[in-house]
Amino acid sequence: MRQELQNIEYIERYLENGLSSIEKRKFEQHMNEDEGFKQAVNLQRQIINQLKEEAFLSDVANYHQEFIQHHTKPKRFSPWWIILPILCLISIPIVWYNLPPQETKSVAIVKEVKNTPIKATKAEAAPAQLKAFQTAFVTKKISARKGATIQLKASKSTLHIPKNAVVDKNGVPVKGAYEVQYRELRDRVDMAFSGLPMNYKNQATAEGVNSFGILEVRAFKDGEELQIAPGKALSLDYEVNKRAKNLDLYYLDETNQTWESTSEVVDLPKRGAYTEEFDSIAYKAAVIAHNEKFKNMGLKDGVERDKDAFNLQTTLIPEGMKKLEKEERPDPNKYIVKHYKNPRLVEDLRLNSFGVYNCGKKYKIKNQIAVSADYTDLEQIAIDNAHTLSIIDINYNAAYSFKPEQFICNSKANNVFLLWSKEGKLYAFVKRATVKMNTGDYSFQMEDLSDKIKNTADLKRYLKFVEQKTKETVTKIE
């Protein structure tokens, strides 16, 4: 028994990088020569990873308890409320490690993904509770004859609407006033239940759009949706939520529910870039002050001598006369000032139509798998009234909405699954990158967070906690 414990301790030291270089070399040589020893190392690695996974899930469960204490009245304590969520969540990774070979249904899903990617689609009427997680539109009245400049509230962005810029569905120019409605989606929580997809076109390998800000803008008159007039365009100075290279402006094709590039150049200014402008107000004030000073120091305020010239530097100054200081008018060049540019502001983007625009960067969804899913709560009661599934990849500022029955995701990513039921309950499941998944059928045990996460602010705090714990866990593993 003592020798067995020593072997386990030896293996743990290797897995935790606790061996010297010489010991490590001998260890790996022995592992290559002894298949039984190699299997023992792999088993110990799985045990350690599972313990780390359980510790992470325990942290998540404890955070859920914090939400319970904050949002609900004190209840009679039962340890099973802590133990049961941990046991249920841990049980899924164990099943995944021992999945049987893929059946015919799973193979069919693989074929479907390669030819017709699963698309995000708009579901039926959303639960009323979902409104607390959706960004409301801001409404502005605009004069068709004058146009308008709108300062967007969520950012330092500006939308410029030219005069006589809209027409009705028949192409007739709109007269009088009309309404412009807009909303900004700045982060993945805003996007999670917006009803907007995040996939780029329809192609064999799914690609997503890592968003740095979304703007949806519409126009209406008497309940009828309007269009931008031919030859006209809106101009947008848009502040992205984070600096990045190789950004593009995408427009949502609402028929196919995919993003299309607008070919607009998204050019962020260099850090420290500025423009020079002449400060005419300050210059005018300086000129007036100069003239006033000159006037007060003029000869007319002292003794006047008609046609007499004398040198003020060498002549005694008569009583009542002031010495005139030699001063020049203010130099205009001194009133040219530098205005530093907002390093996250993209200027003069052209919007040729009303709709949804996304300033972002496309990326390939790595390790792509297709999943056919059903869901239960922690008591293993089926959730058969699922409405919307939103998947958030912790590494990207994007949220992907799917019909709950089928979805695609990165099998090796840190994902948060958020599930809305038709009756308005919010469920969650955290899939760590260490949990292995393949294309196939899965049953997810979800935790009901309806009483703890009631709005966007709650969800942001929850995701921030999960992201922080994910980074801490990765640091410990490394």
Protein backbone atom coordinates (compact mmCIF):
# COMPACT_ATOMS: atom_id res chain seq x y z
CA MET A 1 0.00 0.00 0.00
CA ARG A 2 2.82 2.36 0.90
CA GLN A 3 4.50 1.74 -2.50
CA GLU A 4 1.20 2.41 -4.29
CA LEU A 5 0.79 5.72 -2.50
CA GLN A 6 4.35 6.66 -3.36
CA ASN A 7 3.64 5.90 -7.05
CA ILE A 8 0.53 8.09 -6.98
CA GLU A 9 2.48 10.92 -5.33
CA TYR A 10 5.23 10.51 -7.95
CA ILE A 11 2.71 10.70 -10.79
CA GLU A 12 1.00 13.75 -9.24
CA ARG A 13 4.34 15.54 -8.99
CA TYR A 14 4.89 14.89 -12.70
CA LEU A 15 1.40 16.10 -13.68
CA GLU A 16 1.83 19.24 -11.58
CA ASN A 17 5.29 19.96 -13.08
CA GLY A 18 6.97 19.26 -9.74
CA LEU A 19 9.82 17.07 -11.05
CA SER A 20 13.26 18.27 -11.97
CA SER A 21 14.31 18.04 -15.62
CA ILE A 22 16.30 14.87 -14.97
CA GLU A 23 13.44 13.25 -13.01
CA LYS A 24 10.98 14.25 -15.71
CA ARG A 25 13.13 12.69 -18.44
CA LYS A 26 13.41 9.41 -16.49
CA PHE A 27 9.66 9.46 -15.78
CA GLU A 28 8.72 9.85 -19.45
CA GLN A 29 11.21 7.17 -20.50
CA HIS A 30 9.64 4.74 -18.00
CA MET A 31 6.15 5.70 -19.22
CA ASN A 32 7.12 4.93 -22.84
CA GLU A 33 8.56 1.56 -21.89
CA ASP A 34 5.85 0.38 -19.47
CA GLU A 35 2.29 0.37 -20.90
CA GLY A 36 0.77 -0.37 -17.48
CA PHE A 37 2.53 2.59 -15.94
CA LYS A 38 1.36 4.80 -18.84
CA GLN A 39 -2.26 3.75 -18.20
CA ALA A 40 -1.85 4.57 -14.50
CA VAL A 41 -0.58 8.06 -15.44
CA ASN A 42 -3.53 8.66 -17.77
CA LEU A 43 -5.96 7.51 -15.10
CA GLN A 44 -4.42 9.85 -12.53
CA ARG A 45 -4.56 12.73 -15.05
CA GLN A 46 -8.29 12.12 -15.53
CA ILE A 47 -8.85 12.04 -11.77
CA ILE A 48 -6.99 15.34 -11.28
CA ASN A 49 -8.86 17.02 -14.13
CA GLN A 50 -12.15 15.75 -12.76
CA LEU A 51 -11.34 17.12 -9.30
CA LYS A 52 -10.51 20.52 -10.81
CA GLU A 53 -13.76 20.40 -12.77
CA GLU A 54 -15.70 19.55 -9.61
CA ALA A 55 -14.03 22.43 -7.79
CA PHE A 56 -15.05 24.80 -10.58
CA LEU A 57 -18.64 23.56 -10.56
CA SER A 58 -18.68 23.87 -6.79
CA ASP A 59 -17.68 27.53 -7.16
CA VAL A 60 -20.51 28.06 -9.64
CA ALA A 61 -22.97 26.37 -7.29
CA ASN A 62 -21.79 28.61 -4.43
CA TYR A 63 -22.29 31.67 -6.63
CA HIS A 64 -25.82 30.48 -7.36
CA GLN A 65 -26.36 30.36 -3.62
CA GLU A 66 -25.30 34.02 -3.42
CA PHE A 67 -27.97 34.84 -5.98
CA ILE A 68 -30.54 32.91 -3.95
CA GLN A 69 -29.70 34.83 -0.79
CA HIS A 70 -29.86 38.15 -2.62
CA HIS A 71 -33.11 37.60 -4.50
CA THR A 72 -35.21 35.38 -2.24
CA LYS A 73 -36.32 35.29 1.37
CA PRO A 74 -34.36 33.06 3.78
CA LYS A 75 -35.44 29.43 3.63
CA ARG A 76 -34.87 26.45 5.86
CA PHE A 77 -31.37 25.22 5.12
CA SER A 78 -30.89 21.81 3.57
CA PRO A 79 -27.42 20.61 2.47
CA TRP A 80 -28.97 18.85 -0.51
CA TRP A 81 -29.55 22.23 -2.19
CA ILE A 82 -25.75 22.52 -2.45
CA ILE A 83 -24.84 18.87 -2.97
CA LEU A 84 -27.50 18.00 -5.56
CA PRO A 85 -26.57 20.67 -8.18
CA ILE A 86 -22.90 19.68 -7.93
CA LEU A 87 -23.63 15.97 -8.27
CA CYS A 88 -25.97 16.49 -11.20
CA LEU A 89 -23.59 18.77 -13.06
CA ILE A 90 -20.64 16.46 -12.42
CA SER A 91 -22.53 13.44 -13.72
CA ILE A 92 -22.64 14.76 -17.28
CA PRO A 93 -18.87 14.95 -17.90
CA ILE A 94 -18.54 11.36 -16.61
CA VAL A 95 -21.11 10.15 -19.15
CA TRP A 96 -19.37 12.11 -21.95
CA TYR A 97 -16.05 10.39 -21.28
CA ASN A 98 -17.76 7.01 -21.76
CA LEU A 99 -19.95 7.70 -24.79
CA PRO A 100 -20.64 4.67 -27.02
CA PRO A 101 -19.75 4.80 -30.74
CA GLN A 102 -21.85 7.27 -32.76
CA GLU A 103 -25.17 5.91 -34.04
CA THR A 104 -26.79 6.51 -37.44
CA LYS A 105 -28.57 9.66 -36.21
CA SER A 106 -25.29 11.28 -35.22
CA VAL A 107 -23.73 10.49 -38.60
CA ALA A 108 -26.71 12.13 -40.30
CA ILE A 109 -26.09 15.30 -38.26
CA VAL A 110 -22.47 15.39 -39.38
CA LYS A 111 -23.61 15.23 -42.99
CA GLU A 112 -26.14 17.99 -42.39
CA VAL A 113 -23.51 20.29 -40.88
CA LYS A 114 -21.17 19.86 -43.85
CA ASN A 115 -23.85 20.69 -46.42
CA THR A 116 -26.48 22.87 -44.75
CA PRO A 117 -25.29 24.50 -41.54
CA ILE A 118 -27.78 24.81 -38.74
CA LYS A 119 -29.03 28.40 -38.85
CA ALA A 120 -30.23 30.59 -36.05
CA THR A 121 -33.94 31.12 -36.57
CA LYS A 122 -36.56 33.32 -34.98
CA ALA A 123 -38.86 31.35 -32.72
CA GLU A 124 -42.51 31.90 -31.87
CA ALA A 125 -43.72 34.57 -29.46
CA ALA A 126 -41.21 35.05 -26.66
CA PRO A 127 -42.08 34.77 -22.94
CA ALA A 128 -42.95 38.06 -21.28
CA GLN A 129 -40.03 37.63 -18.83
CA LEU A 130 -37.61 37.79 -21.75
CA LYS A 131 -38.30 41.52 -22.20
CA ALA A 132 -36.16 42.30 -19.15
CA PHE A 133 -33.16 40.92 -21.10
CA GLN A 134 -33.87 42.76 -24.36
CA THR A 135 -32.52 46.22 -25.19
CA ALA A 136 -35.37 48.67 -25.76
CA PHE A 137 -35.54 50.94 -28.80
CA VAL A 138 -35.11 54.69 -28.47
CA THR A 139 -37.61 56.73 -30.53
CA LYS A 140 -36.87 60.14 -32.08
CA LYS A 141 -39.15 62.36 -34.16
CA ILE A 142 -37.44 63.65 -37.30
CA SER A 143 -38.45 66.42 -39.71
CA ALA A 144 -38.15 65.09 -43.26
CA ARG A 145 -37.35 68.59 -44.53
CA LYS A 146 -34.54 69.22 -42.01
CA GLY A 147 -33.05 65.80 -41.26
CA ALA A 148 -31.27 65.33 -37.93
CA THR A 149 -28.09 64.49 -36.03
CA ILE A 150 -28.68 61.95 -33.26
CA GLN A 151 -26.22 61.36 -30.41
CA LEU A 152 -26.56 57.69 -29.44
CA LYS A 153 -26.91 57.14 -25.69
CA ALA A 154 -25.06 53.86 -25.15
CA SER A 155 -21.85 55.14 -26.77
CA LYS A 156 -20.18 58.25 -28.16
CA SER A 157 -21.62 57.49 -31.57
CA THR A 158 -23.45 59.90 -33.87
CA LEU A 159 -26.05 59.10 -36.54
CA HIS A 160 -26.45 61.70 -39.29
CA ILE A 161 -29.78 61.68 -41.18
CA PRO A 162 -29.83 63.97 -44.25
CA LYS A 163 -32.89 65.99 -45.24
CA ASN A 164 -35.47 64.42 -47.53
CA ALA A 165 -33.80 61.03 -46.99
CA VAL A 166 -36.77 58.64 -46.68
CA VAL A 167 -39.52 57.28 -48.90
CA ASP A 168 -42.48 54.99 -48.29
CA LYS A 169 -42.82 51.45 -49.65
CA ASN A 170 -43.97 52.87 -53.02
CA GLY A 171 -40.94 55.16 -53.32
CA VAL A 172 -42.93 58.35 -52.58
CA PRO A 173 -40.90 60.94 -50.60
CA VAL A 174 -42.08 61.34 -47.01
CA LYS A 175 -43.32 64.78 -45.98
CA GLY A 176 -43.58 66.20 -42.48
CA ALA A 177 -42.39 64.27 -39.44
CA TYR A 178 -41.56 60.58 -39.08
CA GLU A 179 -40.13 58.37 -36.34
CA VAL A 180 -36.66 56.86 -36.14
CA GLN A 181 -36.19 53.95 -33.76
CA TYR A 182 -32.77 52.62 -32.84
CA ARG A 183 -31.00 50.42 -30.29
CA GLU A 184 -27.37 49.56 -29.60
CA LEU A 185 -26.15 46.12 -28.54
CA ARG A 186 -22.75 46.61 -26.93
CA ASP A 187 -21.90 43.23 -25.39
CA ARG A 188 -22.85 39.53 -25.51
CA VAL A 189 -25.49 39.91 -22.80
CA ASP A 190 -27.30 42.46 -24.97
CA MET A 191 -27.01 40.05 -27.91
CA ALA A 192 -27.99 36.86 -26.05
CA PHE A 193 -31.77 37.28 -26.35
CA SER A 194 -31.97 39.97 -29.04
CA GLY A 195 -33.28 37.52 -31.62
CA LEU A 196 -30.30 38.30 -33.86
CA PRO A 197 -28.02 35.56 -35.23
CA MET A 198 -24.25 35.79 -35.12
CA ASN A 199 -23.34 33.46 -38.00
CA TYR A 200 -21.71 34.69 -41.20
CA LYS A 201 -23.41 33.51 -44.41
CA ASN A 202 -24.34 29.89 -45.13
CA GLN A 203 -21.34 27.76 -45.93
CA ALA A 204 -19.83 24.37 -45.23
CA THR A 205 -17.81 25.42 -42.21
CA ALA A 206 -19.70 27.68 -39.85
CA GLU A 207 -18.23 31.13 -39.30
CA GLY A 208 -19.26 33.55 -36.60
CA VAL A 209 -18.96 37.29 -36.18
CA ASN A 210 -17.11 38.55 -33.12
CA SER A 211 -19.01 41.77 -32.57
CA PHE A 212 -17.58 45.10 -31.43
CA GLY A 213 -20.98 46.78 -31.48
CA ILE A 214 -24.35 46.40 -33.20
CA LEU A 215 -26.74 49.17 -34.25
CA GLU A 216 -30.31 48.51 -35.35
CA VAL A 217 -32.11 51.49 -36.88
CA ARG A 218 -35.64 51.66 -38.37
CA ALA A 219 -38.00 54.42 -39.56
CA PHE A 220 -41.82 54.57 -39.44
CA LYS A 221 -44.68 56.89 -40.32
CA ASP A 222 -48.24 56.06 -39.29
CA GLY A 223 -47.16 52.51 -38.50
CA GLU A 224 -45.67 51.91 -41.95
CA GLU A 225 -41.99 51.04 -42.22
CA LEU A 226 -39.99 53.46 -44.36
CA GLN A 227 -36.97 53.10 -46.63
CA ILE A 228 -33.97 55.24 -47.45
CA ALA A 229 -34.47 57.14 -50.70
CA PRO A 230 -32.44 56.15 -53.79
CA GLY A 231 -29.17 58.07 -53.91
CA LYS A 232 -29.36 58.87 -50.20
CA ALA A 233 -27.57 57.28 -47.24
CA LEU A 234 -27.25 57.71 -43.51
CA SER A 235 -23.83 58.53 -42.11
CA LEU A 236 -22.65 56.90 -38.89
CA ASP A 237 -19.71 57.85 -36.67
CA TYR A 238 -19.59 54.71 -34.55
CA GLU A 239 -17.65 54.03 -31.37
CA VAL A 240 -16.71 50.35 -31.15
CA ASN A 241 -16.56 48.82 -27.67
CA LYS A 242 -12.92 47.76 -28.08
CA ARG A 243 -10.05 48.57 -30.43
CA ALA A 244 -9.26 45.83 -32.94
CA LYS A 245 -7.64 45.36 -36.34
CA ASN A 246 -9.27 44.25 -39.59
CA LEU A 247 -12.82 45.15 -38.61
CA ASP A 248 -15.61 45.09 -41.16
CA LEU A 249 -19.14 46.49 -41.30
CA TYR A 250 -21.79 43.80 -41.76
CA TYR A 251 -25.45 44.11 -42.67
CA LEU A 252 -28.04 41.55 -41.57
CA ASP A 253 -29.80 39.71 -44.39
CA GLU A 254 -33.06 39.22 -42.51
CA THR A 255 -34.41 36.72 -45.04
CA ASN A 256 -31.52 34.27 -44.63
CA GLN A 257 -30.64 35.39 -41.08
CA THR A 258 -26.96 35.82 -41.97
CA TRP A 259 -24.50 38.73 -42.01
CA GLU A 260 -23.24 40.16 -45.30
CA SER A 261 -20.22 42.44 -45.65
CA THR A 262 -21.09 45.99 -46.74
CA SER A 263 -17.54 46.60 -48.07
CA GLU A 264 -17.44 49.77 -45.96
CA VAL A 265 -13.93 50.60 -44.75
CA VAL A 266 -13.76 50.40 -40.96
CA ASP A 267 -10.73 52.56 -40.19
CA LEU A 268 -9.93 53.37 -36.57
CA PRO A 269 -7.63 56.35 -35.91
CA LYS A 270 -4.17 55.71 -34.54
CA ARG A 271 -3.70 56.18 -30.83
CA GLY A 272 -2.78 59.80 -30.16
CA ALA A 273 -4.10 60.96 -33.55
CA TYR A 274 -5.54 64.46 -33.67
CA THR A 275 -6.94 67.12 -35.99
CA GLU A 276 -5.95 70.80 -35.97
CA GLU A 277 -8.67 73.43 -35.81
CA PHE A 278 -8.58 77.20 -35.57
CA ASP A 279 -10.14 78.41 -32.32
CA SER A 280 -11.90 81.46 -33.75
CA ILE A 281 -13.73 82.27 -30.49
CA ALA A 282 -10.52 82.49 -28.43
CA TYR A 283 -8.78 84.46 -31.19
CA LYS A 284 -11.61 86.99 -31.43
CA ALA A 285 -11.60 87.46 -27.65
CA ALA A 286 -7.82 88.07 -27.70
CA VAL A 287 -8.16 90.67 -30.47
CA ILE A 288 -10.87 92.53 -28.56
CA ALA A 289 -8.78 92.51 -25.39
CA HIS A 290 -5.76 93.75 -27.33
CA ASN A 291 -7.73 96.62 -28.88
CA GLU A 292 -9.16 97.63 -25.54
CA LYS A 293 -5.69 97.72 -24.02
CA PHE A 294 -4.39 99.74 -26.93
CA LYS A 295 -7.27 102.17 -26.63
CA ASN A 296 -6.65 102.74 -22.91
CA MET A 297 -2.96 103.32 -23.52
CA GLY A 298 -3.45 105.66 -26.49
CA LEU A 299 -2.18 109.32 -26.65
CA LYS A 300 -5.70 110.63 -26.62
CA ASP A 301 -5.85 109.72 -22.94
CA GLY A 302 -2.80 111.93 -22.22
CA VAL A 303 -1.32 115.21 -23.48
CA GLU A 304 -1.84 115.69 -27.19
CA ARG A 305 0.78 117.48 -29.33
CA ASP A 306 -0.35 118.10 -32.84
CA LYS A 307 2.18 117.19 -35.51
CA ASP A 308 4.96 116.92 -32.94
CA ALA A 309 7.06 113.79 -33.12
CA PHE A 310 9.23 112.73 -30.26
CA ASN A 311 11.00 109.57 -29.14
CA LEU A 312 9.28 108.03 -26.13
CA GLN A 313 12.45 106.16 -25.27
CA THR A 314 14.60 109.32 -24.92
CA THR A 315 12.15 112.06 -24.11
CA LEU A 316 10.81 112.77 -20.65
CA ILE A 317 7.14 111.83 -20.51
CA PRO A 318 4.94 114.87 -19.78
CA GLU A 319 2.46 114.64 -16.94
CA GLY A 320 -0.71 112.79 -17.89
CA MET A 321 0.92 110.81 -20.70
CA LYS A 322 1.46 107.02 -20.53
CA LYS A 323 4.27 105.17 -22.19
CA LEU A 324 2.98 103.09 -25.08
CA GLU A 325 4.24 99.52 -24.85
CA LYS A 326 5.22 97.91 -28.10
CA GLU A 327 2.68 95.10 -28.63
CA GLU A 328 1.58 93.33 -31.76
CA ARG A 329 -1.85 92.05 -32.58
CA PRO A 330 -2.49 88.43 -31.48
CA ASP A 331 -0.79 85.87 -33.72
CA PRO A 332 -3.47 83.66 -35.39
CA ASN A 333 -1.06 80.70 -35.49
CA LYS A 334 -1.10 80.59 -31.71
CA TYR A 335 -4.83 79.84 -31.82
CA ILE A 336 -4.60 76.61 -33.79
CA VAL A 337 -5.48 73.85 -31.31
CA LYS A 338 -5.18 70.06 -31.40
CA HIS A 339 -8.33 68.00 -30.92
CA TYR A 340 -7.41 64.41 -30.10
CA LYS A 341 -9.55 61.81 -31.83
CA ASN A 342 -11.51 59.12 -30.01
CA PRO A 343 -9.32 56.03 -30.68
CA ARG A 344 -12.41 53.81 -30.88
CA LEU A 345 -14.49 56.03 -33.17
CA VAL A 346 -15.00 54.92 -36.77
CA GLU A 347 -16.02 57.96 -38.82
CA ASP A 348 -18.40 58.31 -41.74
CA LEU A 349 -19.74 54.79 -42.23
CA ARG A 350 -22.34 54.75 -44.98
CA LEU A 351 -25.69 53.08 -44.25
CA ASN A 352 -27.59 52.56 -47.49
CA SER A 353 -30.72 51.11 -45.89
CA PHE A 354 -32.47 50.79 -42.57
CA GLY A 355 -31.81 47.56 -40.69
CA VAL A 356 -29.17 45.97 -38.48
CA TYR A 357 -25.45 46.76 -38.76
CA ASN A 358 -22.62 44.95 -37.00
CA CYS A 359 -19.10 46.31 -36.63
CA GLY A 360 -17.05 43.17 -36.13
CA LYS A 361 -14.68 40.51 -37.36
CA LYS A 362 -15.61 37.10 -38.73
CA TYR A 363 -13.91 33.98 -37.45
CA LYS A 364 -14.16 30.24 -38.06
CA ILE A 365 -15.85 28.23 -35.35
CA LYS A 366 -13.12 25.75 -34.47
CA ASN A 367 -13.74 22.16 -33.40
CA GLN A 368 -17.26 22.47 -34.75
CA ILE A 369 -19.78 19.86 -33.69
CA ALA A 370 -23.53 19.46 -34.21
CA VAL A 371 -25.61 18.48 -31.21
CA SER A 372 -29.11 17.10 -31.02
CA ALA A 373 -30.28 17.84 -27.49
CA ASP A 374 -32.95 17.45 -24.89
CA TYR A 375 -32.99 19.01 -21.44
CA THR A 376 -33.95 18.18 -17.86
CA ASP A 377 -33.82 20.12 -14.62
CA LEU A 378 -31.67 19.02 -11.69
CA GLU A 379 -34.39 16.64 -10.55
CA GLN A 380 -34.23 15.00 -14.00
CA ILE A 381 -37.70 16.21 -14.96
CA ALA A 382 -37.85 16.84 -18.71
CA ILE A 383 -37.95 20.47 -19.91
CA ASP A 384 -40.28 19.81 -22.84
CA ASN A 385 -41.35 23.42 -23.38
CA ALA A 386 -37.97 24.91 -24.35
CA HIS A 387 -38.25 28.13 -26.35
CA THR A 388 -34.80 29.58 -27.11
CA LEU A 389 -31.23 28.42 -26.57
CA SER A 390 -28.46 31.00 -26.43
CA ILE A 391 -24.85 29.82 -26.42
CA ILE A 392 -22.10 32.19 -25.24
CA ASP A 393 -18.48 31.37 -25.99
CA ILE A 394 -16.47 33.02 -23.21
CA ASN A 395 -13.66 33.85 -25.67
CA TYR A 396 -15.81 36.00 -27.98
CA ASN A 397 -18.19 38.94 -27.70
CA ALA A 398 -21.02 37.06 -29.32
CA ALA A 399 -24.09 35.05 -28.39
CA TYR A 400 -25.65 32.47 -30.69
CA SER A 401 -29.38 31.78 -30.60
CA PHE A 402 -30.79 28.47 -31.78
CA LYS A 403 -33.89 26.37 -31.61
CA PRO A 404 -33.11 24.21 -28.58
CA GLU A 405 -33.41 20.87 -30.38
CA GLN A 406 -30.27 21.33 -32.51
CA PHE A 407 -27.26 23.59 -32.35
CA ILE A 408 -23.60 23.88 -33.32
CA CYS A 409 -20.73 24.94 -31.07
CA ASN A 410 -17.00 24.69 -30.44
CA SER A 411 -16.52 21.41 -28.60
CA LYS A 412 -13.34 22.62 -26.89
CA ALA A 413 -14.58 26.03 -25.80
CA ASN A 414 -15.78 27.35 -22.47
CA ASN A 415 -19.48 27.69 -23.22
CA VAL A 416 -22.44 28.94 -21.22
CA PHE A 417 -25.80 27.50 -22.33
CA LEU A 418 -28.81 29.69 -21.50
CA LEU A 419 -32.23 28.13 -22.09
CA TRP A 420 -35.59 29.91 -21.98
CA SER A 421 -38.76 27.89 -21.54
CA LYS A 422 -42.06 28.98 -23.06
CA GLU A 423 -43.39 29.67 -19.58
CA GLY A 424 -40.58 32.15 -18.92
CA LYS A 425 -38.04 30.15 -16.89
CA LEU A 426 -34.31 30.68 -17.42
CA TYR A 427 -32.00 27.67 -17.14
CA ALA A 428 -28.21 27.56 -17.37
CA PHE A 429 -25.42 25.04 -17.88
CA VAL A 430 -21.67 25.77 -17.86
CA LYS A 431 -19.56 23.59 -20.14
CA ARG A 432 -15.87 23.87 -19.44
CA ALA A 433 -13.30 23.33 -22.18
CA THR A 434 -12.03 20.27 -20.31
CA VAL A 435 -15.39 18.54 -20.84
CA LYS A 436 -15.16 16.56 -24.09
CA MET A 437 -18.03 16.58 -26.59
CA ASN A 438 -18.53 15.09 -30.04
CA THR A 439 -21.23 15.37 -32.65
CA GLY A 440 -24.21 13.39 -31.37
CA ASP A 441 -27.16 13.25 -28.99
CA TYR A 442 -26.93 14.69 -25.46
CA SER A 443 -29.17 15.30 -22.52
CA PHE A 444 -28.28 18.38 -20.47
CA GLN A 445 -29.18 18.83 -16.82
CA MET A 446 -29.91 22.53 -16.45
CA GLU A 447 -30.12 24.62 -13.30
CA ASP A 448 -33.14 26.89 -12.92
CA LEU A 449 -31.83 30.44 -12.39
CA SER A 450 -35.17 32.22 -12.84
CA ASP A 451 -35.27 33.43 -9.24
CA LYS A 452 -31.66 34.60 -9.28
CA ILE A 453 -31.16 36.19 -12.70
CA LYS A 454 -34.03 38.53 -13.45
CA ASN A 455 -32.51 41.10 -15.80
CA THR A 456 -29.52 42.03 -17.92
CA ALA A 457 -27.50 43.33 -14.95
CA ASP A 458 -27.86 40.00 -13.12
CA LEU A 459 -26.82 38.07 -16.21
CA LYS A 460 -23.75 40.27 -16.72
CA ARG A 461 -22.63 39.62 -13.15
CA TYR A 462 -23.15 35.89 -13.60
CA LEU A 463 -21.14 35.74 -16.85
CA LYS A 464 -18.40 37.88 -15.36
CA PHE A 465 -18.10 35.43 -12.47
CA VAL A 466 -17.98 32.41 -14.80
CA GLU A 467 -15.35 34.10 -16.98
CA GLN A 468 -13.23 34.99 -13.95
CA LYS A 469 -13.41 31.46 -12.57
CA THR A 470 -12.54 30.07 -16.00
CA LYS A 471 -9.37 32.16 -16.14
CA GLU A 472 -8.43 31.18 -12.60
CA THR A 473 -8.88 27.49 -13.42
CA VAL A 474 -6.80 27.76 -16.59
CA THR A 475 -4.04 29.52 -14.64
CA LYS A 476 -3.99 26.77 -12.04
CA ILE A 477 -3.81 24.05 -14.72
CA GLU A 478 -0.97 25.82 -16.54
